[in-house]
Each structure stands twice: as C-alpha cells, then as structure tokens.
C-alpha atoms as a PDB file:
ATOM      1  CA  MET A   1      62.900-220.991-117.213  1.00  0.00           C
ATOM      2  CA  ASP A   2      62.317-217.564-119.087  1.00  0.00           C
ATOM      3  CA  ALA A   3      64.657-215.718-121.044  1.00  0.00           C
ATOM      4  CA  ALA A   4      63.587-213.374-118.427  1.00  0.00           C
ATOM      5  CA  GLY A   5      64.452-215.527-115.525  1.00  0.00           C
ATOM      6  CA  TYR A   6      60.743-215.799-114.479  1.00  0.00           C
ATOM      7  CA  VAL A   7      59.062-219.242-113.782  1.00  0.00           C
ATOM      8  CA  THR A   8      56.071-220.502-115.210  1.00  0.00           C
ATOM      9  CA  PRO A   9      53.283-222.275-113.134  1.00  0.00           C
ATOM     10  CA  GLU A  10      53.608-225.309-114.587  1.00  0.00           C
ATOM     11  CA  GLU A  11      57.246-225.656-113.827  1.00  0.00           C
ATOM     12  CA  VAL A  12      55.969-225.284-110.616  1.00  0.00           C
ATOM     13  CA  ARG A  13      53.559-227.535-110.386  1.00  0.00           C
ATOM     14  CA  LEU A  14      56.662-230.272-112.034  1.00  0.00           C
ATOM     15  CA  ALA A  15      58.828-229.381-109.184  1.00  0.00           C
ATOM     16  CA  LEU A  16      55.678-229.586-106.724  1.00  0.00           C
ATOM     17  CA  GLN A  17      55.055-233.300-107.968  1.00  0.00           C
ATOM     18  CA  LYS A  18      58.525-233.993-108.218  1.00  0.00           C
ATOM     19  CA  LEU A  19      58.549-233.128-104.364  1.00  0.00           C
ATOM     20  CA  HIS A  20      55.961-234.372-103.239  1.00  0.00           C
ATOM     21  CA  SER A  21      55.631-237.871-104.981  1.00  0.00           C
ATOM     22  CA  GLY A  22      58.117-239.772-102.026  1.00  0.00           C
ATOM     23  CA  ASP A  23      56.127-238.049 -99.200  1.00  0.00           C
ATOM     24  CA  ALA A  24      54.338-240.790 -97.403  1.00  0.00           C
ATOM     25  CA  GLU A  25      51.734-238.134 -95.925  1.00  0.00           C
ATOM     26  CA  THR A  26      50.445-236.660 -99.408  1.00  0.00           C
ATOM     27  CA  ASN A  27      50.576-240.161-100.982  1.00  0.00           C
ATOM     28  CA  PRO A  28      47.024-241.947-100.031  1.00  0.00           C
ATOM     29  CA  GLU A  29      48.102-244.995-100.676  1.00  0.00           C
ATOM     30  CA  GLN A  30      51.215-245.436 -98.920  1.00  0.00           C
ATOM     31  CA  ALA A  31      49.466-243.595 -96.283  1.00  0.00           C
ATOM     32  CA  LEU A  32      46.834-246.529 -95.473  1.00  0.00           C
ATOM     33  CA  ARG A  33      49.905-249.095 -95.935  1.00  0.00           C
ATOM     34  CA  ALA A  34      52.213-247.662 -93.440  1.00  0.00           C
ATOM     35  CA  THR A  35      48.691-246.785 -91.075  1.00  0.00           C
ATOM     36  CA  LEU A  36      47.427-250.604 -91.920  1.00  0.00           C
ATOM     37  CA  ALA A  37      50.619-251.859 -91.658  1.00  0.00           C
ATOM     38  CA  ASN A  38      51.860-254.241 -88.869  1.00  0.00           C
ATOM     39  CA  ASP A  39      53.731-251.883 -86.102  1.00  0.00           C
ATOM     40  CA  LEU A  40      56.825-254.030 -85.155  1.00  0.00           C
ATOM     41  CA  LYS A  41      58.021-254.976 -88.651  1.00  0.00           C
ATOM     42  CA  PRO A  42      55.993-253.359 -91.751  1.00  0.00           C
ATOM     43  CA  VAL A  43      57.910-255.808 -94.101  1.00  0.00           C
ATOM     44  CA  ASP A  44      58.867-259.490 -93.785  1.00  0.00           C
ATOM     45  CA  ALA A  45      62.468-261.171 -95.482  1.00  0.00           C
ATOM     46  CA  ARG A  46      60.735-261.069 -98.812  1.00  0.00           C
ATOM     47  CA  GLY A  47      59.837-257.340 -98.591  1.00  0.00           C
ATOM     48  CA  ARG A  48      56.367-257.658 -98.795  1.00  0.00           C
ATOM     49  CA  TRP A  49      54.211-255.722 -96.931  1.00  0.00           C
ATOM     50  CA  LYS A  50      52.775-257.245 -93.660  1.00  0.00           C
ATOM     51  CA  PRO A  51      49.424-255.910 -92.319  1.00  0.00           C
ATOM     52  CA  SER A  52      48.402-254.862 -88.864  1.00  0.00           C
ATOM     53  CA  SER A  53      47.106-258.143 -86.383  1.00  0.00           C
ATOM     54  CA  LEU A  54      44.287-255.771 -85.869  1.00  0.00           C
ATOM     55  CA  VAL A  55      43.450-255.944 -89.554  1.00  0.00           C
ATOM     56  CA  ILE A  56      43.628-259.700 -89.556  1.00  0.00           C
ATOM     57  CA  LEU A  57      41.282-259.924 -86.767  1.00  0.00           C
ATOM     58  CA  VAL A  58      38.992-257.106 -87.695  1.00  0.00           C
ATOM     59  CA  GLY A  59      38.571-258.418 -90.919  1.00  0.00           C
ATOM     60  CA  VAL A  60      38.021-262.165 -89.726  1.00  0.00           C
ATOM     61  CA  ILE A  61      35.036-260.954 -87.258  1.00  0.00           C
ATOM     62  CA  ALA A  62      33.549-259.012 -90.293  1.00  0.00           C
ATOM     63  CA  CYS A  63      34.031-262.380 -92.485  1.00  0.00           C
ATOM     64  CA  ALA A  64      32.093-264.418 -89.818  1.00  0.00           C
ATOM     65  CA  LEU A  65      29.652-261.889 -89.075  1.00  0.00           C
ATOM     66  CA  LEU A  66      28.764-261.670 -93.273  1.00  0.00           C
ATOM     67  CA  GLY A  67      28.313-265.647 -92.680  1.00  0.00           C
ATOM     68  CA  ILE A  68      25.924-265.470 -89.806  1.00  0.00           C
ATOM     69  CA  PHE A  69      24.001-262.930 -91.565  1.00  0.00           C
ATOM     70  CA  LEU A  70      24.128-264.454 -94.792  1.00  0.00           C
ATOM     71  CA  TYR A  71      23.092-267.703 -93.120  1.00  0.00           C
ATOM     72  CA  PHE A  72      20.152-266.820 -90.760  1.00  0.00           C
ATOM     73  CA  SER A  73      18.946-264.761 -94.234  1.00  0.00           C
ATOM     74  CA  LEU A  74      18.964-267.317 -96.530  1.00  0.00           C
ATOM     75  CA  SER A  75      17.911-269.933 -94.100  1.00  0.00           C
ATOM     76  CA  ARG A  76      14.525-268.552 -93.294  1.00  0.00           C
ATOM     77  CA  SER A  77      13.328-268.042 -96.808  1.00  0.00           C
ATOM     78  CA  LEU A  78      14.087-272.383 -97.773  1.00  0.00           C
END
C-alpha cells in the first residue's frame, strides 16, 4: 500500500488473481475437468481423474465413425 493508505491497481489485480486462482468456476481447466468427471467418484484410489462413462462412450463412437469414414474413403480410391 501507498504511504497515504491507497491501494494501487497492481495490488488489486494481484489480490483478485490470488482470490480467483483456487476457484474451480473461474479456472477453465478445472471447470472442464469437473464437467467431464465421473459423477459418483471423480477421483480414483490413486488420486487420478476418472472420466465420465458418457465421455468414454462418445469417444468410442466418434473413433468408430472416423474409422468407418476412413475405410470407405480410402477403399474407394484403391
């Protein structure tokens, strides 16, 4: 703080960053992890993040559709 008791903008900025750094809603990475985590048990016994079964299912279906698309696209050119 200044000698006169005023707070500088830099001090306010640092205080706000410190306040919001631990908040999961303002941190995009933590918010995304919380959204995609397993609802019942988001962390396993070893402390690792567990994805939701819906995320896994969508990933498998997307990979299958991509594989089917590539198979028919590449087999047509041969």
